[in-house]
N, C-alpha and C. Protein backbone atom coordinates (compact mmCIF):
# COMPACT_ATOMS: atom_id res chain seq x y z
N MET A 1 139.99 -81.90 89.45
CA MET A 1 139.48 -82.89 90.39
C MET A 1 138.32 -82.29 91.17
N ARG A 2 137.30 -83.09 91.37
CA ARG A 2 136.11 -82.61 92.05
C ARG A 2 136.13 -83.02 93.52
N CYS A 3 135.56 -82.15 94.34
CA CYS A 3 135.42 -82.46 95.77
C CYS A 3 134.40 -83.58 95.94
N PRO A 4 134.71 -84.65 96.69
CA PRO A 4 133.75 -85.75 96.86
C PRO A 4 132.51 -85.34 97.65
N LYS A 5 132.54 -84.18 98.30
CA LYS A 5 131.39 -83.76 99.12
C LYS A 5 130.49 -82.79 98.37
N CYS A 6 131.08 -81.75 97.76
CA CYS A 6 130.25 -80.73 97.10
C CYS A 6 130.46 -80.68 95.60
N GLN A 7 131.34 -81.51 95.05
CA GLN A 7 131.60 -81.61 93.62
C GLN A 7 132.25 -80.35 93.04
N SER A 8 132.78 -79.50 93.90
CA SER A 8 133.46 -78.30 93.42
C SER A 8 134.85 -78.67 92.90
N THR A 9 135.30 -77.93 91.90
CA THR A 9 136.66 -78.16 91.37
C THR A 9 137.69 -77.24 92.01
N GLY A 10 137.26 -76.40 92.93
CA GLY A 10 138.19 -75.47 93.59
C GLY A 10 138.83 -76.13 94.81
N ASN A 11 139.94 -76.84 94.63
CA ASN A 11 140.65 -77.48 95.74
C ASN A 11 142.15 -77.42 95.49
N PHE A 12 142.92 -77.66 96.54
CA PHE A 12 144.38 -77.61 96.42
C PHE A 12 145.00 -78.64 97.36
N ALA A 13 146.25 -78.99 97.04
CA ALA A 13 146.98 -79.99 97.84
C ALA A 13 147.73 -79.29 98.96
N THR A 14 147.58 -79.82 100.17
CA THR A 14 148.29 -79.26 101.33
C THR A 14 149.54 -80.07 101.66
N GLU A 15 149.61 -81.31 101.15
CA GLU A 15 150.76 -82.17 101.45
C GLU A 15 150.93 -83.18 100.32
N THR A 16 152.16 -83.42 99.88
CA THR A 16 152.45 -84.36 98.81
C THR A 16 153.58 -85.29 99.24
N LYS A 17 153.37 -86.63 99.09
CA LYS A 17 154.39 -87.63 99.44
C LYS A 17 154.45 -88.69 98.34
N ARG A 18 155.61 -89.35 98.20
CA ARG A 18 155.72 -90.47 97.29
C ARG A 18 155.19 -91.71 97.98
N CYS A 19 154.51 -92.55 97.17
CA CYS A 19 153.88 -93.73 97.76
C CYS A 19 153.92 -94.86 96.74
N THR A 20 154.21 -96.10 97.21
CA THR A 20 154.19 -97.28 96.33
C THR A 20 153.31 -98.38 96.92
N VAL A 21 152.45 -98.01 97.85
CA VAL A 21 151.63 -99.01 98.54
C VAL A 21 150.57 -99.59 97.62
N ASN A 22 149.82 -98.77 96.94
CA ASN A 22 148.70 -99.23 96.13
C ASN A 22 149.03 -99.24 94.64
N SER A 23 150.29 -99.17 94.28
CA SER A 23 150.64 -99.14 92.88
C SER A 23 151.97 -99.85 92.68
N SER A 24 152.10 -100.53 91.52
CA SER A 24 153.35 -101.19 91.21
C SER A 24 154.42 -100.20 90.81
N GLU A 25 154.04 -98.97 90.50
CA GLU A 25 154.97 -97.92 90.16
C GLU A 25 154.85 -96.79 91.17
N ASP A 26 155.85 -95.92 91.12
CA ASP A 26 155.80 -94.79 92.05
C ASP A 26 154.58 -93.93 91.77
N SER A 27 153.97 -93.47 92.83
CA SER A 27 152.81 -92.58 92.72
C SER A 27 152.93 -91.50 93.78
N LEU A 28 152.04 -90.55 93.71
CA LEU A 28 152.04 -89.44 94.65
C LEU A 28 150.81 -89.53 95.53
N LYS A 29 151.04 -89.38 96.82
CA LYS A 29 149.94 -89.35 97.78
C LYS A 29 149.79 -87.91 98.23
N ARG A 30 148.58 -87.38 98.00
CA ARG A 30 148.35 -85.98 98.30
C ARG A 30 147.15 -85.80 99.22
N ARG A 31 147.30 -84.84 100.10
CA ARG A 31 146.21 -84.44 100.98
C ARG A 31 145.61 -83.18 100.40
N ARG A 32 144.32 -83.23 100.10
CA ARG A 32 143.65 -82.10 99.44
C ARG A 32 142.58 -81.50 100.34
N ILE A 33 142.27 -80.22 100.08
CA ILE A 33 141.23 -79.51 100.83
C ILE A 33 140.42 -78.68 99.84
N CYS A 34 139.10 -78.66 100.07
CA CYS A 34 138.18 -77.92 99.18
C CYS A 34 138.07 -76.49 99.65
N ARG A 35 138.21 -75.56 98.72
CA ARG A 35 138.09 -74.14 99.05
C ARG A 35 136.66 -73.75 99.37
N ASP A 36 135.69 -74.48 98.82
CA ASP A 36 134.28 -74.08 98.99
C ASP A 36 133.67 -74.59 100.28
N CYS A 37 133.83 -75.91 100.52
CA CYS A 37 133.15 -76.47 101.71
C CYS A 37 134.13 -76.87 102.81
N GLY A 38 135.43 -76.84 102.54
CA GLY A 38 136.42 -77.17 103.57
C GLY A 38 136.65 -78.66 103.76
N ALA A 39 136.03 -79.51 102.93
CA ALA A 39 136.23 -80.95 103.07
C ALA A 39 137.67 -81.32 102.73
N GLN A 40 138.20 -82.37 103.42
CA GLN A 40 139.56 -82.84 103.18
C GLN A 40 139.52 -84.31 102.77
N TRP A 41 140.43 -84.69 101.87
CA TRP A 41 140.52 -86.07 101.43
C TRP A 41 141.91 -86.35 100.89
N THR A 42 142.23 -87.61 100.72
CA THR A 42 143.55 -88.03 100.26
C THR A 42 143.43 -88.69 98.90
N THR A 43 144.34 -88.38 97.98
CA THR A 43 144.35 -88.98 96.66
C THR A 43 145.68 -89.67 96.39
N THR A 44 145.63 -90.69 95.58
CA THR A 44 146.85 -91.35 95.09
C THR A 44 146.90 -91.12 93.59
N GLU A 45 147.93 -90.43 93.12
CA GLU A 45 148.00 -90.01 91.73
C GLU A 45 149.26 -90.55 91.08
N ARG A 46 149.15 -90.92 89.81
CA ARG A 46 150.31 -91.36 89.04
C ARG A 46 150.14 -90.91 87.60
N ILE A 47 151.24 -90.88 86.89
CA ILE A 47 151.22 -90.49 85.48
C ILE A 47 151.25 -91.76 84.65
N ASP A 48 150.26 -91.92 83.79
CA ASP A 48 150.21 -93.07 82.90
C ASP A 48 150.57 -92.64 81.49
N LYS A 49 151.12 -93.54 80.73
CA LYS A 49 151.48 -93.28 79.35
C LYS A 49 150.71 -94.21 78.44
N TRP A 50 150.36 -93.71 77.29
CA TRP A 50 149.62 -94.50 76.30
C TRP A 50 150.59 -95.27 75.42
N ASP A 51 150.42 -96.59 75.38
CA ASP A 51 151.25 -97.46 74.56
C ASP A 51 150.53 -97.72 73.24
N ASN A 52 151.09 -97.18 72.14
CA ASN A 52 150.43 -97.34 70.84
C ASN A 52 150.46 -98.78 70.36
N ASP A 53 151.51 -99.54 70.75
CA ASP A 53 151.59 -100.93 70.31
C ASP A 53 150.56 -101.80 71.03
N LEU A 54 150.44 -101.60 72.34
CA LEU A 54 149.49 -102.40 73.13
C LEU A 54 148.08 -101.82 73.11
N ARG A 55 148.00 -100.57 72.65
CA ARG A 55 146.71 -99.88 72.62
C ARG A 55 146.07 -99.83 74.00
N GLN A 56 146.88 -99.43 75.00
CA GLN A 56 146.35 -99.31 76.36
C GLN A 56 147.27 -98.40 77.15
N TRP A 57 146.78 -98.03 78.34
CA TRP A 57 147.59 -97.21 79.25
C TRP A 57 148.53 -98.12 80.01
N THR A 58 149.78 -97.70 80.14
CA THR A 58 150.76 -98.50 80.89
C THR A 58 150.61 -98.24 82.37
N GLY A 59 150.87 -99.28 83.17
CA GLY A 59 150.82 -99.13 84.62
C GLY A 59 149.55 -99.71 85.22
N HIS A 60 148.46 -99.85 84.44
CA HIS A 60 147.24 -100.46 84.94
C HIS A 60 146.40 -100.87 83.74
N ALA A 61 145.51 -101.77 83.98
CA ALA A 61 144.64 -102.27 82.90
C ALA A 61 143.37 -101.45 82.85
N GLU A 62 143.05 -100.97 81.68
CA GLU A 62 141.80 -100.24 81.48
C GLU A 62 140.63 -101.21 81.51
N PRO A 63 139.54 -100.87 82.18
CA PRO A 63 138.37 -101.77 82.16
C PRO A 63 137.82 -101.91 80.75
N GLU A 64 137.50 -103.13 80.41
CA GLU A 64 136.99 -103.39 79.06
C GLU A 64 135.53 -102.98 78.99
N LEU A 65 135.27 -102.05 78.12
CA LEU A 65 133.91 -101.55 77.95
C LEU A 65 133.17 -102.38 76.93
N PRO A 66 131.87 -102.58 77.16
CA PRO A 66 131.10 -103.35 76.17
C PRO A 66 131.04 -102.62 74.84
N LYS A 67 131.11 -103.37 73.78
CA LYS A 67 131.04 -102.79 72.45
C LYS A 67 129.59 -102.48 72.09
N VAL A 68 129.40 -101.28 71.66
CA VAL A 68 128.06 -100.83 71.30
C VAL A 68 128.08 -100.44 69.82
N ASP A 69 127.16 -101.03 69.09
CA ASP A 69 127.07 -100.68 67.68
C ASP A 69 126.65 -99.22 67.53
N PRO A 70 127.28 -98.53 66.64
CA PRO A 70 126.88 -97.12 66.44
C PRO A 70 125.45 -97.01 65.95
N VAL A 71 124.77 -96.02 66.48
CA VAL A 71 123.38 -95.79 66.10
C VAL A 71 123.34 -95.04 64.78
N VAL A 72 122.73 -95.65 63.82
CA VAL A 72 122.60 -95.03 62.51
C VAL A 72 121.15 -94.58 62.35
N ARG A 73 120.96 -93.30 62.26
CA ARG A 73 119.61 -92.75 62.13
C ARG A 73 119.28 -92.59 60.66
N THR A 74 118.19 -93.16 60.32
CA THR A 74 117.74 -93.05 58.93
C THR A 74 116.44 -92.26 58.90
N ARG A 75 116.30 -91.45 57.92
CA ARG A 75 115.09 -90.64 57.77
C ARG A 75 114.17 -91.31 56.76
N GLU A 76 112.97 -91.56 57.21
CA GLU A 76 112.01 -92.18 56.31
C GLU A 76 111.63 -91.21 55.20
N PRO A 77 111.45 -91.75 54.02
CA PRO A 77 111.08 -90.86 52.91
C PRO A 77 109.76 -90.17 53.19
N ARG A 78 109.72 -88.90 52.89
CA ARG A 78 108.51 -88.12 53.14
C ARG A 78 107.41 -88.56 52.19
N GLN A 79 106.26 -88.83 52.80
CA GLN A 79 105.12 -89.27 52.00
C GLN A 79 104.49 -88.05 51.33
N SER A 80 104.51 -88.06 50.04
CA SER A 80 103.92 -86.95 49.31
C SER A 80 102.40 -87.14 49.24
N ARG A 81 101.69 -86.08 49.55
CA ARG A 81 100.23 -86.14 49.52
C ARG A 81 99.75 -86.08 48.08
N PRO A 82 98.74 -86.85 47.77
CA PRO A 82 98.23 -86.81 46.39
C PRO A 82 97.69 -85.42 46.06
N ALA A 83 97.93 -85.02 44.86
CA ALA A 83 97.47 -83.69 44.44
C ALA A 83 95.95 -83.62 44.47
N ALA A 84 95.45 -82.54 45.05
CA ALA A 84 94.01 -82.38 45.17
C ALA A 84 93.42 -81.95 43.84
N SER A 85 92.21 -82.43 43.59
CA SER A 85 91.48 -81.98 42.40
C SER A 85 90.89 -80.62 42.73
N ARG A 86 91.49 -79.57 42.21
CA ARG A 86 91.16 -78.22 42.65
C ARG A 86 90.12 -77.57 41.75
N PHE A 87 89.34 -76.71 42.35
CA PHE A 87 88.38 -75.88 41.64
C PHE A 87 88.73 -74.43 41.94
N HIS A 88 89.77 -73.95 41.32
CA HIS A 88 90.11 -72.56 41.57
C HIS A 88 90.81 -71.98 40.35
N PRO A 89 90.27 -70.96 39.72
CA PRO A 89 88.89 -70.51 39.91
C PRO A 89 87.93 -71.48 39.24
N ILE A 90 86.68 -71.33 39.57
CA ILE A 90 85.68 -72.26 39.08
C ILE A 90 84.71 -71.53 38.16
N THR A 91 84.25 -72.22 37.15
CA THR A 91 83.27 -71.64 36.23
C THR A 91 82.02 -72.51 36.21
N LEU A 92 80.95 -71.93 35.70
CA LEU A 92 79.69 -72.65 35.63
C LEU A 92 79.81 -73.89 34.75
N GLU A 93 80.63 -73.80 33.70
CA GLU A 93 80.79 -74.95 32.81
C GLU A 93 81.46 -76.13 33.53
N GLN A 94 82.38 -75.82 34.46
CA GLN A 94 83.10 -76.89 35.16
C GLN A 94 82.20 -77.67 36.11
N VAL A 95 81.18 -77.02 36.65
CA VAL A 95 80.36 -77.65 37.69
C VAL A 95 78.90 -77.73 37.29
N ALA A 96 78.63 -77.70 36.01
CA ALA A 96 77.24 -77.70 35.57
C ALA A 96 76.51 -78.94 36.05
N ASP A 97 77.18 -80.09 36.03
CA ASP A 97 76.52 -81.33 36.46
C ASP A 97 76.18 -81.30 37.94
N GLN A 98 77.06 -80.74 38.76
CA GLN A 98 76.78 -80.69 40.20
C GLN A 98 75.63 -79.74 40.53
N LEU A 99 75.44 -78.72 39.71
CA LEU A 99 74.44 -77.69 40.02
C LEU A 99 73.08 -77.97 39.40
N LEU A 100 72.91 -79.14 38.80
CA LEU A 100 71.60 -79.47 38.23
C LEU A 100 70.54 -79.49 39.32
N GLY A 101 69.41 -78.84 39.05
CA GLY A 101 68.31 -78.82 40.00
C GLY A 101 68.35 -77.66 40.96
N ILE A 102 69.37 -76.80 40.90
CA ILE A 102 69.47 -75.63 41.77
C ILE A 102 69.10 -74.39 40.96
N PRO A 103 68.27 -73.49 41.52
CA PRO A 103 67.86 -72.29 40.78
C PRO A 103 69.07 -71.47 40.33
N PRO A 104 68.93 -70.77 39.19
CA PRO A 104 70.06 -70.01 38.64
C PRO A 104 70.64 -68.98 39.61
N ASP A 105 69.75 -68.30 40.37
CA ASP A 105 70.27 -67.28 41.28
C ASP A 105 71.15 -67.90 42.36
N VAL A 106 70.76 -69.10 42.85
CA VAL A 106 71.56 -69.79 43.87
C VAL A 106 72.86 -70.30 43.26
N CYS A 107 72.82 -70.76 42.01
CA CYS A 107 74.04 -71.22 41.33
C CYS A 107 75.06 -70.09 41.26
N GLN A 108 74.60 -68.91 40.92
CA GLN A 108 75.52 -67.77 40.83
C GLN A 108 76.12 -67.45 42.20
N MET A 109 75.32 -67.57 43.23
CA MET A 109 75.83 -67.30 44.58
C MET A 109 76.83 -68.36 45.01
N LEU A 110 76.60 -69.62 44.62
CA LEU A 110 77.54 -70.68 44.96
C LEU A 110 78.90 -70.42 44.32
N LEU A 111 78.89 -69.97 43.07
CA LEU A 111 80.16 -69.67 42.40
C LEU A 111 80.88 -68.50 43.09
N GLU A 112 80.10 -67.51 43.51
CA GLU A 112 80.71 -66.37 44.22
C GLU A 112 81.31 -66.81 45.54
N TRP A 113 80.57 -67.65 46.28
CA TRP A 113 81.08 -68.16 47.56
C TRP A 113 82.40 -68.91 47.36
N TRP A 114 82.45 -69.74 46.35
CA TRP A 114 83.64 -70.58 46.15
C TRP A 114 84.84 -69.75 45.69
N ASN A 115 84.65 -68.89 44.71
CA ASN A 115 85.77 -68.19 44.09
C ASN A 115 86.29 -67.02 44.92
N ASN A 116 85.38 -66.25 45.51
CA ASN A 116 85.79 -65.01 46.17
C ASN A 116 85.98 -65.16 47.67
N SER A 117 84.93 -65.67 48.33
CA SER A 117 84.97 -65.67 49.79
C SER A 117 86.05 -66.61 50.32
N ARG A 118 86.12 -67.80 49.79
CA ARG A 118 87.11 -68.76 50.27
C ARG A 118 88.53 -68.29 49.97
N ARG A 119 88.74 -67.71 48.82
CA ARG A 119 90.09 -67.26 48.47
C ARG A 119 90.53 -66.11 49.36
N SER A 120 89.63 -65.17 49.64
CA SER A 120 90.01 -64.02 50.45
C SER A 120 90.35 -64.43 51.87
N LYS A 121 89.76 -65.52 52.35
CA LYS A 121 90.02 -65.94 53.73
C LYS A 121 91.23 -66.85 53.84
N HIS A 122 91.43 -67.76 52.88
CA HIS A 122 92.46 -68.79 53.02
C HIS A 122 93.66 -68.58 52.11
N GLY A 123 93.58 -67.68 51.15
CA GLY A 123 94.72 -67.41 50.31
C GLY A 123 94.95 -68.49 49.28
N ALA A 124 96.06 -68.32 48.56
CA ALA A 124 96.35 -69.24 47.46
C ALA A 124 96.76 -70.63 47.94
N ALA A 125 97.11 -70.78 49.24
CA ALA A 125 97.57 -72.07 49.74
C ALA A 125 96.42 -73.01 50.10
N ALA A 126 95.20 -72.54 50.11
CA ALA A 126 94.07 -73.39 50.51
C ALA A 126 93.80 -74.45 49.45
N ALA A 127 93.53 -75.66 49.92
CA ALA A 127 93.21 -76.76 49.00
C ALA A 127 91.70 -76.81 48.83
N TRP A 128 91.22 -76.37 47.71
CA TRP A 128 89.79 -76.29 47.44
C TRP A 128 89.43 -77.45 46.53
N THR A 129 89.06 -78.55 47.10
CA THR A 129 88.88 -79.77 46.33
C THR A 129 87.48 -79.87 45.75
N GLU A 130 87.39 -80.66 44.71
CA GLU A 130 86.10 -80.92 44.08
C GLU A 130 85.16 -81.61 45.06
N LYS A 131 85.72 -82.45 45.93
CA LYS A 131 84.88 -83.16 46.89
C LYS A 131 84.21 -82.19 47.85
N ALA A 132 84.96 -81.20 48.33
CA ALA A 132 84.39 -80.21 49.26
C ALA A 132 83.26 -79.43 48.60
N PHE A 133 83.46 -79.05 47.35
CA PHE A 133 82.41 -78.31 46.64
C PHE A 133 81.18 -79.17 46.45
N THR A 134 81.38 -80.43 46.05
CA THR A 134 80.24 -81.32 45.79
C THR A 134 79.43 -81.57 47.05
N MET A 135 80.12 -81.77 48.19
CA MET A 135 79.41 -82.00 49.45
C MET A 135 78.55 -80.81 49.83
N SER A 136 79.10 -79.60 49.65
CA SER A 136 78.33 -78.40 49.98
C SER A 136 77.12 -78.25 49.07
N VAL A 137 77.31 -78.51 47.77
CA VAL A 137 76.20 -78.40 46.83
C VAL A 137 75.11 -79.41 47.15
N ASP A 138 75.49 -80.61 47.53
CA ASP A 138 74.51 -81.63 47.89
C ASP A 138 73.67 -81.19 49.10
N ARG A 139 74.30 -80.52 50.05
CA ARG A 139 73.55 -80.02 51.21
C ARG A 139 72.58 -78.92 50.79
N VAL A 140 73.03 -78.05 49.89
CA VAL A 140 72.17 -76.95 49.43
C VAL A 140 70.97 -77.48 48.65
N LYS A 141 71.16 -78.53 47.87
CA LYS A 141 70.07 -79.08 47.05
C LYS A 141 68.89 -79.54 47.89
N LYS A 142 69.15 -80.00 49.10
CA LYS A 142 68.09 -80.57 49.92
C LYS A 142 67.23 -79.51 50.60
N LEU A 143 67.60 -78.25 50.48
CA LEU A 143 66.90 -77.17 51.18
C LEU A 143 65.89 -76.49 50.27
N PRO A 144 64.84 -75.89 50.86
CA PRO A 144 63.94 -75.03 50.07
C PRO A 144 64.71 -73.84 49.53
N HIS A 145 64.11 -73.18 48.54
CA HIS A 145 64.82 -72.09 47.86
C HIS A 145 65.25 -70.99 48.82
N TRP A 146 64.35 -70.58 49.72
CA TRP A 146 64.71 -69.47 50.60
C TRP A 146 65.84 -69.86 51.55
N GLN A 147 65.90 -71.14 51.96
CA GLN A 147 67.01 -71.58 52.80
C GLN A 147 68.31 -71.68 52.01
N GLN A 148 68.20 -72.05 50.73
CA GLN A 148 69.39 -72.06 49.89
C GLN A 148 70.01 -70.67 49.82
N VAL A 149 69.15 -69.66 49.64
CA VAL A 149 69.64 -68.29 49.55
C VAL A 149 70.27 -67.85 50.87
N VAL A 150 69.62 -68.16 51.98
CA VAL A 150 70.13 -67.75 53.29
C VAL A 150 71.48 -68.41 53.57
N LEU A 151 71.56 -69.73 53.34
CA LEU A 151 72.79 -70.45 53.65
C LEU A 151 73.95 -70.00 52.77
N THR A 152 73.71 -69.84 51.47
CA THR A 152 74.79 -69.45 50.58
C THR A 152 75.24 -68.03 50.86
N ASN A 153 74.29 -67.14 51.17
CA ASN A 153 74.66 -65.77 51.54
C ASN A 153 75.54 -65.75 52.79
N ALA A 154 75.17 -66.58 53.77
CA ALA A 154 75.98 -66.66 54.99
C ALA A 154 77.38 -67.18 54.69
N GLY A 155 77.46 -68.16 53.76
CA GLY A 155 78.78 -68.67 53.39
C GLY A 155 79.65 -67.62 52.74
N ILE A 156 79.04 -66.77 51.90
CA ILE A 156 79.79 -65.69 51.26
C ILE A 156 80.26 -64.67 52.30
N GLU A 157 79.36 -64.35 53.23
CA GLU A 157 79.68 -63.33 54.23
C GLU A 157 80.77 -63.77 55.20
N HIS A 158 80.70 -65.04 55.65
CA HIS A 158 81.63 -65.52 56.68
C HIS A 158 82.84 -66.26 56.11
N GLY A 159 82.83 -66.56 54.82
CA GLY A 159 83.96 -67.26 54.24
C GLY A 159 84.09 -68.70 54.69
N TRP A 160 82.97 -69.37 54.88
CA TRP A 160 83.01 -70.76 55.35
C TRP A 160 83.67 -71.65 54.31
N GLN A 161 84.36 -72.69 54.80
CA GLN A 161 84.96 -73.68 53.90
C GLN A 161 83.91 -74.62 53.34
N ALA A 162 82.82 -74.78 54.04
CA ALA A 162 81.74 -75.66 53.58
C ALA A 162 80.42 -75.01 53.95
N LEU A 163 79.41 -75.34 53.17
CA LEU A 163 78.07 -74.83 53.47
C LEU A 163 77.31 -75.91 54.22
N ASN A 164 77.12 -75.68 55.49
CA ASN A 164 76.46 -76.66 56.35
C ASN A 164 75.29 -75.98 57.06
N PRO A 165 74.08 -76.51 56.93
CA PRO A 165 72.92 -75.87 57.58
C PRO A 165 73.09 -75.70 59.08
N SER A 166 73.89 -76.55 59.71
CA SER A 166 74.05 -76.42 61.16
C SER A 166 74.79 -75.15 61.55
N TYR A 167 75.46 -74.50 60.60
CA TYR A 167 76.20 -73.28 60.91
C TYR A 167 75.27 -72.11 61.18
N CYS A 168 74.05 -72.14 60.64
CA CYS A 168 73.14 -71.01 60.83
C CYS A 168 71.73 -71.53 61.09
N LYS A 169 71.59 -72.30 62.15
CA LYS A 169 70.29 -72.89 62.49
C LYS A 169 69.24 -71.82 62.73
N ASP A 170 69.64 -70.74 63.41
CA ASP A 170 68.67 -69.69 63.75
C ASP A 170 68.12 -69.03 62.49
N LEU A 171 69.00 -68.77 61.52
CA LEU A 171 68.56 -68.11 60.30
C LEU A 171 67.64 -68.99 59.46
N LEU A 172 67.86 -70.30 59.56
CA LEU A 172 67.06 -71.23 58.76
C LEU A 172 65.80 -71.71 59.49
N ALA A 173 65.58 -71.21 60.70
CA ALA A 173 64.43 -71.69 61.47
C ALA A 173 63.10 -71.21 60.89
N LYS A 174 63.06 -70.00 60.39
CA LYS A 174 61.82 -69.49 59.80
C LYS A 174 62.16 -68.59 58.63
N PRO A 175 61.32 -68.58 57.61
CA PRO A 175 61.62 -67.78 56.42
C PRO A 175 61.62 -66.30 56.74
N PRO A 176 62.41 -65.52 56.05
CA PRO A 176 62.41 -64.06 56.29
C PRO A 176 61.09 -63.45 55.87
N ARG A 177 60.72 -62.38 56.55
CA ARG A 177 59.45 -61.71 56.25
C ARG A 177 59.55 -61.02 54.91
N GLN A 178 58.51 -61.14 54.13
CA GLN A 178 58.47 -60.48 52.83
C GLN A 178 58.22 -59.00 53.04
N GLY A 179 58.71 -58.18 52.12
CA GLY A 179 58.50 -56.75 52.24
C GLY A 179 57.06 -56.35 51.95
N GLY A 180 56.63 -55.21 52.46
CA GLY A 180 55.29 -54.70 52.22
C GLY A 180 54.29 -55.23 53.24
N PHE A 181 53.04 -54.85 53.05
CA PHE A 181 51.97 -55.22 53.97
C PHE A 181 51.52 -56.65 53.71
N GLN A 182 51.48 -57.47 54.75
CA GLN A 182 51.06 -58.86 54.62
C GLN A 182 49.75 -59.05 55.41
N PRO A 183 48.64 -59.32 54.72
CA PRO A 183 47.36 -59.51 55.42
C PRO A 183 47.38 -60.77 56.27
N GLN A 184 46.70 -60.70 57.42
CA GLN A 184 46.68 -61.82 58.34
C GLN A 184 45.40 -62.65 58.24
N SER A 185 44.39 -62.23 57.46
CA SER A 185 43.14 -62.98 57.33
C SER A 185 42.78 -63.12 55.86
N GLN A 186 41.91 -64.13 55.56
CA GLN A 186 41.52 -64.35 54.18
C GLN A 186 40.69 -63.19 53.64
N GLY A 187 39.83 -62.64 54.50
CA GLY A 187 39.00 -61.52 54.06
C GLY A 187 39.84 -60.32 53.67
N LEU A 188 40.80 -60.01 54.51
CA LEU A 188 41.67 -58.87 54.22
C LEU A 188 42.53 -59.15 53.00
N ALA A 189 42.95 -60.40 52.84
CA ALA A 189 43.74 -60.76 51.66
C ALA A 189 42.90 -60.61 50.40
N GLY A 190 41.59 -60.99 50.44
CA GLY A 190 40.72 -60.83 49.28
C GLY A 190 40.51 -59.38 48.92
N ALA A 191 40.29 -58.56 49.95
CA ALA A 191 40.10 -57.13 49.70
C ALA A 191 41.35 -56.51 49.08
N LEU A 192 42.52 -56.93 49.57
CA LEU A 192 43.77 -56.41 49.03
C LEU A 192 43.95 -56.84 47.58
N ALA A 193 43.54 -58.07 47.28
CA ALA A 193 43.67 -58.56 45.90
C ALA A 193 42.77 -57.77 44.96
N ILE A 194 41.55 -57.40 45.43
CA ILE A 194 40.63 -56.59 44.60
C ILE A 194 41.22 -55.23 44.32
N LEU A 195 41.82 -54.64 45.40
CA LEU A 195 42.41 -53.31 45.21
C LEU A 195 43.57 -53.33 44.24
N GLN A 196 44.32 -54.46 44.23
CA GLN A 196 45.49 -54.56 43.36
C GLN A 196 45.12 -55.10 41.97
N GLY A 197 43.83 -55.37 41.76
CA GLY A 197 43.40 -55.89 40.46
C GLY A 197 43.68 -57.36 40.29
N GLY A 198 43.92 -58.05 41.39
CA GLY A 198 44.25 -59.45 41.26
C GLY A 198 43.07 -60.36 41.53
N GLY A 199 41.84 -59.81 41.75
CA GLY A 199 40.70 -60.66 42.05
C GLY A 199 39.50 -60.25 41.25
N ASN A 200 38.43 -61.03 41.29
CA ASN A 200 37.19 -60.71 40.58
C ASN A 200 36.34 -59.82 41.46
N ARG A 201 35.78 -58.79 40.84
CA ARG A 201 34.90 -57.90 41.58
C ARG A 201 33.49 -58.45 41.67
N GLY A 202 33.28 -59.57 41.03
CA GLY A 202 31.92 -60.14 41.07
C GLY A 202 31.12 -59.69 39.88
N SER A 203 30.05 -60.38 39.63
CA SER A 203 29.21 -60.03 38.49
C SER A 203 28.08 -59.11 38.94
N ALA A 204 27.76 -58.18 38.07
CA ALA A 204 26.73 -57.20 38.39
C ALA A 204 25.37 -57.82 38.18
């Protein structure tokens, strides 16, 4: 029994009497005190028996509880995702149509990016779909050759899932400087061409 003040169950009866005032059968009237907070209260207690024939407690009527239908939980069938059209590993023969119009050196780099870089980063569980490859190739096709090389190299280095020019705007802003001496004027360029045997020395 819980204390009506502090809800503690640590209480005891200080006085017990028989009582028939509030019950048609004999009951016990007890004075109780809480060990925790010291609150005192009176209880009227009786022993009830369960009647299997009447399906109820004898001595008083049980309140009729509303009938509630049992909740039946059903699990919806798991929607299986359609199998992805995978390119792993990929060969030049499998994607020859997509790579039309792209220089051979860039084609080789695209295959390296797809087969090696993506696999090393995402493992065997990565879904490498044909659509993802085609979208990246379409973006590469629209770029000049030097930008194709820069973008694909960056994809290999960073293991990108897609080749998108926005990933390396700074690198694609201006072409890389060519090696060796680059003349800044036409006159100097002509003189350099003569020295390299690439120009006419003029007629005598």
